[in-house]
PDB file of N, CA and C in Angstrom:
ATOM      1  N   MET A   1      -9.031 -17.881  34.890  1.00  0.00           N
ATOM      2  CA  MET A   1     -10.303 -17.150  35.795  1.00  0.00           C
ATOM      3  C   MET A   1     -10.735 -16.333  35.215  1.00  0.00           C
ATOM      4  N   GLU A   2     -11.988 -16.071  34.860  1.00  0.00           N
ATOM      5  CA  GLU A   2     -12.789 -14.338  34.643  1.00  0.00           C
ATOM      6  C   GLU A   2     -11.870 -14.086  35.787  1.00  0.00           C
ATOM      7  N   GLN A   3     -12.189 -12.693  34.389  1.00  0.00           N
ATOM      8  CA  GLN A   3     -11.973 -11.209  35.676  1.00  0.00           C
ATOM      9  C   GLN A   3     -13.608 -10.612  35.622  1.00  0.00           C
ATOM     10  N   GLN A   4     -13.867  -9.924  36.620  1.00  0.00           N
ATOM     11  CA  GLN A   4     -15.414  -9.930  36.754  1.00  0.00           C
ATOM     12  C   GLN A   4     -15.447  -8.438  36.643  1.00  0.00           C
ATOM     13  N   ILE A   5     -16.145  -7.984  36.128  1.00  0.00           N
ATOM     14  CA  ILE A   5     -16.154  -7.196  35.913  1.00  0.00           C
ATOM     15  C   ILE A   5     -17.325  -5.790  36.562  1.00  0.00           C
ATOM     16  N   SER A   6     -17.666  -5.235  37.102  1.00  0.00           N
ATOM     17  CA  SER A   6     -18.368  -4.334  38.167  1.00  0.00           C
ATOM     18  C   SER A   6     -19.143  -3.398  36.873  1.00  0.00           C
ATOM     19  N   LYS A   7     -20.744  -3.860  37.369  1.00  0.00           N
ATOM     20  CA  LYS A   7     -22.232  -2.968  36.178  1.00  0.00           C
ATOM     21  C   LYS A   7     -21.646  -1.351  36.176  1.00  0.00           C
ATOM     22  N   SER A   8     -20.258  -0.486  37.094  1.00  0.00           N
ATOM     23  CA  SER A   8     -20.109   1.088  36.476  1.00  0.00           C
ATOM     24  C   SER A   8     -19.107   0.929  35.613  1.00  0.00           C
ATOM     25  N   GLU A   9     -18.312  -0.421  35.741  1.00  0.00           N
ATOM     26  CA  GLU A   9     -17.274  -0.466  34.226  1.00  0.00           C
ATOM     27  C   GLU A   9     -17.935  -0.902  33.066  1.00  0.00           C
ATOM     28  N   ALA A  10     -18.800  -1.854  33.017  1.00  0.00           N
ATOM     29  CA  ALA A  10     -19.170  -2.072  32.575  1.00  0.00           C
ATOM     30  C   ALA A  10     -20.030  -1.227  31.804  1.00  0.00           C
ATOM     31  N   SER A  11     -20.735  -0.189  31.870  1.00  0.00           N
ATOM     32  CA  SER A  11     -20.500   0.895  32.011  1.00  0.00           C
ATOM     33  C   SER A  11     -19.715   2.066  30.792  1.00  0.00           C
ATOM     34  N   LEU A  12     -19.269   2.024  31.174  1.00  0.00           N
ATOM     35  CA  LEU A  12     -18.501   3.273  30.376  1.00  0.00           C
ATOM     36  C   LEU A  12     -17.305   2.584  29.246  1.00  0.00           C
ATOM     37  N   PRO A  13     -17.356   3.538  28.557  1.00  0.00           N
ATOM     38  CA  PRO A  13     -16.592   3.713  27.230  1.00  0.00           C
ATOM     39  C   PRO A  13     -16.274   2.794  26.728  1.00  0.00           C
ATOM     40  N   PRO A  14     -15.287   2.658  25.335  1.00  0.00           N
ATOM     41  CA  PRO A  14     -14.096   1.453  25.336  1.00  0.00           C
ATOM     42  C   PRO A  14     -13.253   3.557  25.308  1.00  0.00           C
ATOM     43  N   THR A  15     -11.985   3.379  26.059  1.00  0.00           N
ATOM     44  CA  THR A  15     -11.050   3.710  26.431  1.00  0.00           C
ATOM     45  C   THR A  15     -10.468   3.726  24.489  1.00  0.00           C
ATOM     46  N   LEU A  16     -10.042   4.784  23.909  1.00  0.00           N
ATOM     47  CA  LEU A  16     -10.034   5.072  22.654  1.00  0.00           C
ATOM     48  C   LEU A  16      -8.703   5.840  22.727  1.00  0.00           C
ATOM     49  N   VAL A  17      -7.597   6.734  23.204  1.00  0.00           N
ATOM     50  CA  VAL A  17      -6.403   7.102  23.107  1.00  0.00           C
ATOM     51  C   VAL A  17      -5.992   6.718  24.760  1.00  0.00           C
ATOM     52  N   VAL A  18      -4.441   6.144  24.351  1.00  0.00           N
ATOM     53  CA  VAL A  18      -4.218   6.099  25.235  1.00  0.00           C
ATOM     54  C   VAL A  18      -2.405   7.137  25.544  1.00  0.00           C
ATOM     55  N   GLY A  19      -2.268   7.670  26.692  1.00  0.00           N
ATOM     56  CA  GLY A  19      -0.683   8.407  27.120  1.00  0.00           C
ATOM     57  C   GLY A  19       0.299   6.852  26.605  1.00  0.00           C
ATOM     58  N   PRO A  20       1.409   8.111  26.630  1.00  0.00           N
ATOM     59  CA  PRO A  20       2.819   6.903  26.315  1.00  0.00           C
ATOM     60  C   PRO A  20       3.144   5.849  27.482  1.00  0.00           C
ATOM     61  N   ASP A  21       2.503   5.634  29.045  1.00  0.00           N
ATOM     62  CA  ASP A  21       3.327   5.750  29.702  1.00  0.00           C
ATOM     63  C   ASP A  21       1.326   4.740  29.643  1.00  0.00           C
ATOM     64  N   GLU A  22       0.895   4.567  29.589  1.00  0.00           N
ATOM     65  CA  GLU A  22      -0.023   3.127  29.275  1.00  0.00           C
ATOM     66  C   GLU A  22      -0.322   2.319  28.338  1.00  0.00           C
ATOM     67  N   ALA A  23       0.504   3.268  26.822  1.00  0.00           N
ATOM     68  CA  ALA A  23       0.385   2.398  25.705  1.00  0.00           C
ATOM     69  C   ALA A  23       1.776   1.024  25.896  1.00  0.00           C
ATOM     70  N   ALA A  24       2.545   1.646  27.190  1.00  0.00           N
ATOM     71  CA  ALA A  24       4.004   0.905  28.240  1.00  0.00           C
ATOM     72  C   ALA A  24       3.207  -0.360  28.212  1.00  0.00           C
ATOM     73  N   ARG A  25       2.945   0.604  29.363  1.00  0.00           N
ATOM     74  CA  ARG A  25       1.829  -0.889  30.360  1.00  0.00           C
ATOM     75  C   ARG A  25       0.734  -1.820  29.439  1.00  0.00           C
ATOM     76  N   MET A  26      -0.018  -0.936  28.231  1.00  0.00           N
ATOM     77  CA  MET A  26      -0.982  -2.214  27.179  1.00  0.00           C
ATOM     78  C   MET A  26       0.309  -3.298  26.592  1.00  0.00           C
ATOM     79  N   THR A  27       1.440  -2.756  26.454  1.00  0.00           N
ATOM     80  CA  THR A  27       1.737  -4.358  25.878  1.00  0.00           C
ATOM     81  C   THR A  27       3.254  -5.007  25.618  1.00  0.00           C
ATOM     82  N   ALA A  28       3.456  -4.410  27.467  1.00  0.00           N
ATOM     83  CA  ALA A  28       4.633  -4.414  28.421  1.00  0.00           C
ATOM     84  C   ALA A  28       6.118  -3.827  28.215  1.00  0.00           C
ATOM     85  N   HIS A  29       5.469  -2.908  26.967  1.00  0.00           N
ATOM     86  CA  HIS A  29       6.819  -2.435  26.469  1.00  0.00           C
ATOM     87  C   HIS A  29       7.157  -1.826  27.516  1.00  0.00           C
ATOM     88  N   SER A  30       8.983  -0.451  27.460  1.00  0.00           N
ATOM     89  CA  SER A  30       9.012   0.191  28.138  1.00  0.00           C
ATOM     90  C   SER A  30       8.190   1.688  28.036  1.00  0.00           C
ATOM     91  N   ARG A  31       8.196   3.136  28.189  1.00  0.00           N
ATOM     92  CA  ARG A  31       8.108   4.257  27.874  1.00  0.00           C
ATOM     93  C   ARG A  31       9.160   5.125  27.411  1.00  0.00           C
ATOM     94  N   SER A  32      10.238   4.094  27.520  1.00  0.00           N
ATOM     95  CA  SER A  32      10.893   4.603  25.688  1.00  0.00           C
ATOM     96  C   SER A  32      10.885   4.389  24.977  1.00  0.00           C
ATOM     97  N   GLY A  33      10.652   2.682  24.922  1.00  0.00           N
ATOM     98  CA  GLY A  33      10.485   2.389  23.327  1.00  0.00           C
ATOM     99  C   GLY A  33       9.387   2.340  22.838  1.00  0.00           C
ATOM    100  N   ILE A  34       8.374   2.732  23.676  1.00  0.00           N
ATOM    101  CA  ILE A  34       6.885   4.041  22.792  1.00  0.00           C
ATOM    102  C   ILE A  34       7.859   4.708  22.655  1.00  0.00           C
ATOM    103  N   TYR A  35       8.285   5.644  22.567  1.00  0.00           N
ATOM    104  CA  TYR A  35       8.789   6.804  22.378  1.00  0.00           C
ATOM    105  C   TYR A  35       9.682   6.465  21.753  1.00  0.00           C
ATOM    106  N   LYS A  36      10.444   5.494  20.895  1.00  0.00           N
ATOM    107  CA  LYS A  36      11.469   4.526  19.960  1.00  0.00           C
ATOM    108  C   LYS A  36      10.687   4.775  18.995  1.00  0.00           C
ATOM    109  N   ALA A  37       9.810   3.876  19.240  1.00  0.00           N
ATOM    110  CA  ALA A  37       8.337   3.772  18.297  1.00  0.00           C
ATOM    111  C   ALA A  37       8.390   4.952  16.985  1.00  0.00           C
ATOM    112  N   ILE A  38       7.697   5.617  18.990  1.00  0.00           N
ATOM    113  CA  ILE A  38       6.914   6.479  17.676  1.00  0.00           C
ATOM    114  C   ILE A  38       8.045   8.272  16.973  1.00  0.00           C
ATOM    115  N   ALA A  39       9.893   7.793  17.698  1.00  0.00           N
ATOM    116  CA  ALA A  39       9.746   8.574  16.078  1.00  0.00           C
ATOM    117  C   ALA A  39      10.807   7.988  15.365  1.00  0.00           C
ATOM    118  N   ALA A  40      10.667   6.383  15.131  1.00  0.00           N
ATOM    119  CA  ALA A  40      11.591   6.284  13.540  1.00  0.00           C
ATOM    120  C   ALA A  40       9.548   5.203  13.323  1.00  0.00           C
ATOM    121  N   GLY A  41       8.834   6.331  13.451  1.00  0.00           N
ATOM    122  CA  GLY A  41       7.218   6.178  12.367  1.00  0.00           C
ATOM    123  C   GLY A  41       7.236   5.032  13.294  1.00  0.00           C
ATOM    124  N   GLU A  42       7.255   4.747  12.995  1.00  0.00           N
ATOM    125  CA  GLU A  42       6.635   3.103  13.363  1.00  0.00           C
ATOM    126  C   GLU A  42       5.611   2.555  14.029  1.00  0.00           C
ATOM    127  N   LEU A  43       5.232   3.725  15.113  1.00  0.00           N
ATOM    128  CA  LEU A  43       4.117   3.955  16.150  1.00  0.00           C
ATOM    129  C   LEU A  43       3.927   5.123  15.608  1.00  0.00           C
ATOM    130  N   ARG A  44       2.159   5.545  15.328  1.00  0.00           N
ATOM    131  CA  ARG A  44       1.605   6.878  15.056  1.00  0.00           C
ATOM    132  C   ARG A  44       0.978   7.122  16.111  1.00  0.00           C
ATOM    133  N   SER A  45       1.442   8.580  16.679  1.00  0.00           N
ATOM    134  CA  SER A  45       1.350   9.178  17.849  1.00  0.00           C
ATOM    135  C   SER A  45       0.550  10.227  17.211  1.00  0.00           C
ATOM    136  N   PHE A  46      -0.447  11.260  17.896  1.00  0.00           N
ATOM    137  CA  PHE A  46      -0.307  12.500  17.299  1.00  0.00           C
ATOM    138  C   PHE A  46      -0.816  13.289  18.961  1.00  0.00           C
ATOM    139  N   LYS A  47      -0.592  15.205  19.499  1.00  0.00           N
ATOM    140  CA  LYS A  47      -0.791  15.465  20.358  1.00  0.00           C
ATOM    141  C   LYS A  47      -1.664  16.693  19.929  1.00  0.00           C
ATOM    142  N   THR A  48      -1.947  16.694  21.222  1.00  0.00           N
ATOM    143  CA  THR A  48      -3.541  17.902  22.109  1.00  0.00           C
ATOM    144  C   THR A  48      -2.652  18.187  23.561  1.00  0.00           C
ATOM    145  N   GLY A  49      -2.843  19.523  22.730  1.00  0.00           N
ATOM    146  CA  GLY A  49      -2.047  20.077  23.898  1.00  0.00           C
ATOM    147  C   GLY A  49      -1.135  20.179  24.155  1.00  0.00           C
ATOM    148  N   LYS A  50      -0.385  19.763  24.844  1.00  0.00           N
ATOM    149  CA  LYS A  50       1.466  19.538  25.321  1.00  0.00           C
ATOM    150  C   LYS A  50       1.504  17.698  25.228  1.00  0.00           C
ATOM    151  N   ARG A  51      -0.152  17.273  25.817  1.00  0.00           N
ATOM    152  CA  ARG A  51      -0.515  15.685  25.920  1.00  0.00           C
ATOM    153  C   ARG A  51       0.552  15.266  23.952  1.00  0.00           C
ATOM    154  N   ARG A  52       1.413  14.055  24.843  1.00  0.00           N
ATOM    155  CA  ARG A  52       1.304  12.848  22.873  1.00  0.00           C
ATOM    156  C   ARG A  52       0.148  12.084  23.819  1.00  0.00           C
ATOM    157  N   MET A  53      -0.598  11.514  22.340  1.00  0.00           N
ATOM    158  CA  MET A  53      -2.015  10.330  22.792  1.00  0.00           C
ATOM    159  C   MET A  53      -0.978   9.443  21.354  1.00  0.00           C
ATOM    160  N   ILE A  54      -1.756   8.576  22.082  1.00  0.00           N
ATOM    161  CA  ILE A  54      -1.713   7.035  21.244  1.00  0.00           C
ATOM    162  C   ILE A  54      -2.827   6.260  21.256  1.00  0.00           C
ATOM    163  N   LEU A  55      -3.594   6.581  19.706  1.00  0.00           N
ATOM    164  CA  LEU A  55      -4.850   5.688  19.077  1.00  0.00           C
ATOM    165  C   LEU A  55      -4.717   4.097  20.068  1.00  0.00           C
ATOM    166  N   VAL A  56      -5.859   4.119  20.285  1.00  0.00           N
ATOM    167  CA  VAL A  56      -6.195   2.388  20.954  1.00  0.00           C
ATOM    168  C   VAL A  56      -5.874   1.281  19.265  1.00  0.00           C
ATOM    169  N   ARG A  57      -6.344   1.810  18.773  1.00  0.00           N
ATOM    170  CA  ARG A  57      -6.835   0.525  17.213  1.00  0.00           C
ATOM    171  C   ARG A  57      -5.439   0.739  16.369  1.00  0.00           C
ATOM    172  N   GLU A  58      -3.803   2.241  16.552  1.00  0.00           N
ATOM    173  CA  GLU A  58      -2.739   1.918  16.099  1.00  0.00           C
ATOM    174  C   GLU A  58      -2.314   1.372  17.024  1.00  0.00           C
ATOM    175  N   LEU A  59      -2.170   1.526  18.174  1.00  0.00           N
ATOM    176  CA  LEU A  59      -1.445   0.264  19.187  1.00  0.00           C
ATOM    177  C   LEU A  59      -1.400  -1.203  19.217  1.00  0.00           C
ATOM    178  N   GLU A  60      -2.737  -1.295  18.804  1.00  0.00           N
ATOM    179  CA  GLU A  60      -2.750  -3.106  18.468  1.00  0.00           C
ATOM    180  C   GLU A  60      -2.184  -3.446  16.968  1.00  0.00           C
ATOM    181  N   LEU A  61      -2.336  -2.560  15.878  1.00  0.00           N
ATOM    182  CA  LEU A  61      -1.919  -1.977  14.378  1.00  0.00           C
ATOM    183  C   LEU A  61      -0.659  -2.780  15.167  1.00  0.00           C
ATOM    184  N   TRP A  62       0.570  -2.367  15.923  1.00  0.00           N
ATOM    185  CA  TRP A  62       1.710  -2.069  15.857  1.00  0.00           C
ATOM    186  C   TRP A  62       1.932  -3.334  16.715  1.00  0.00           C
ATOM    187  N   ILE A  63       1.859  -3.175  18.140  1.00  0.00           N
ATOM    188  CA  ILE A  63       1.879  -4.065  18.780  1.00  0.00           C
ATOM    189  C   ILE A  63       2.115  -6.070  17.853  1.00  0.00           C
ATOM    190  N   ASN A  64       1.010  -6.452  16.812  1.00  0.00           N
ATOM    191  CA  ASN A  64       0.067  -7.671  15.941  1.00  0.00           C
ATOM    192  C   ASN A  64       1.408  -7.499  15.161  1.00  0.00           C
ATOM    193  N   ARG A  65       1.675  -5.890  14.017  1.00  0.00           N
ATOM    194  CA  ARG A  65       3.073  -5.809  13.432  1.00  0.00           C
ATOM    195  C   ARG A  65       3.792  -7.261  13.613  1.00  0.00           C
ATOM    196  N   ILE A  66       3.998  -6.268  14.792  1.00  0.00           N
ATOM    197  CA  ILE A  66       5.162  -6.718  15.894  1.00  0.00           C
ATOM    198  C   ILE A  66       5.634  -8.084  15.931  1.00  0.00           C
ATOM    199  N   ALA A  67       4.348  -8.455  16.303  1.00  0.00           N
ATOM    200  CA  ALA A  67       3.780  -9.639  16.574  1.00  0.00           C
ATOM    201  C   ALA A  67       4.135 -10.689  15.606  1.00  0.00           C
ATOM    202  N   SER A  68       3.886 -10.589  14.077  1.00  0.00           N
ATOM    203  CA  SER A  68       3.619 -11.443  13.158  1.00  0.00           C
ATOM    204  C   SER A  68       5.312 -11.056  13.082  1.00  0.00           C
ATOM    205  N   GLU A  69       5.919  -9.811  12.243  1.00  0.00           N
ATOM    206  CA  GLU A  69       7.187 -10.334  12.372  1.00  0.00           C
ATOM    207  C   GLU A  69       8.751 -10.421  12.910  1.00  0.00           C
ATOM    208  N   ASN A  70       8.061 -11.295  14.008  1.00  0.00           N
ATOM    209  CA  ASN A  70       8.902 -11.122  15.244  1.00  0.00           C
ATOM    210  C   ASN A  70       8.241 -13.401  15.672  1.00  0.00           C
ATOM    211  N   ALA A  71       7.298 -13.611  14.748  1.00  0.00           N
ATOM    212  CA  ALA A  71       6.471 -14.602  15.335  1.00  0.00           C
ATOM    213  C   ALA A  71       7.872 -15.976  14.549  1.00  0.00           C
ATOM    214  N   ARG A  72       7.579 -17.063  15.801  1.00  0.00           N
ATOM    215  CA  ARG A  72       8.260 -18.585  15.073  1.00  0.00           C
ATOM    216  C   ARG A  72       7.853 -18.878  14.396  1.00  0.00           C
TER     217      ARG A  72
END
């Protein structure tokens, strides 16, 4: 089943960064799991002001690495 995209959504630029809550939602991990991966150096992030941010491409690299390491 395809998801329909409205014209306004189609014209939005791609998301470049997300916070830990959105990263958890995107990867089906818990928020604390995201912070543990950051603390362990497995997932790169940065702070801007008081906000912790994760580049979407770093999130993709991390989840792909986990998938390949744990593939059966």
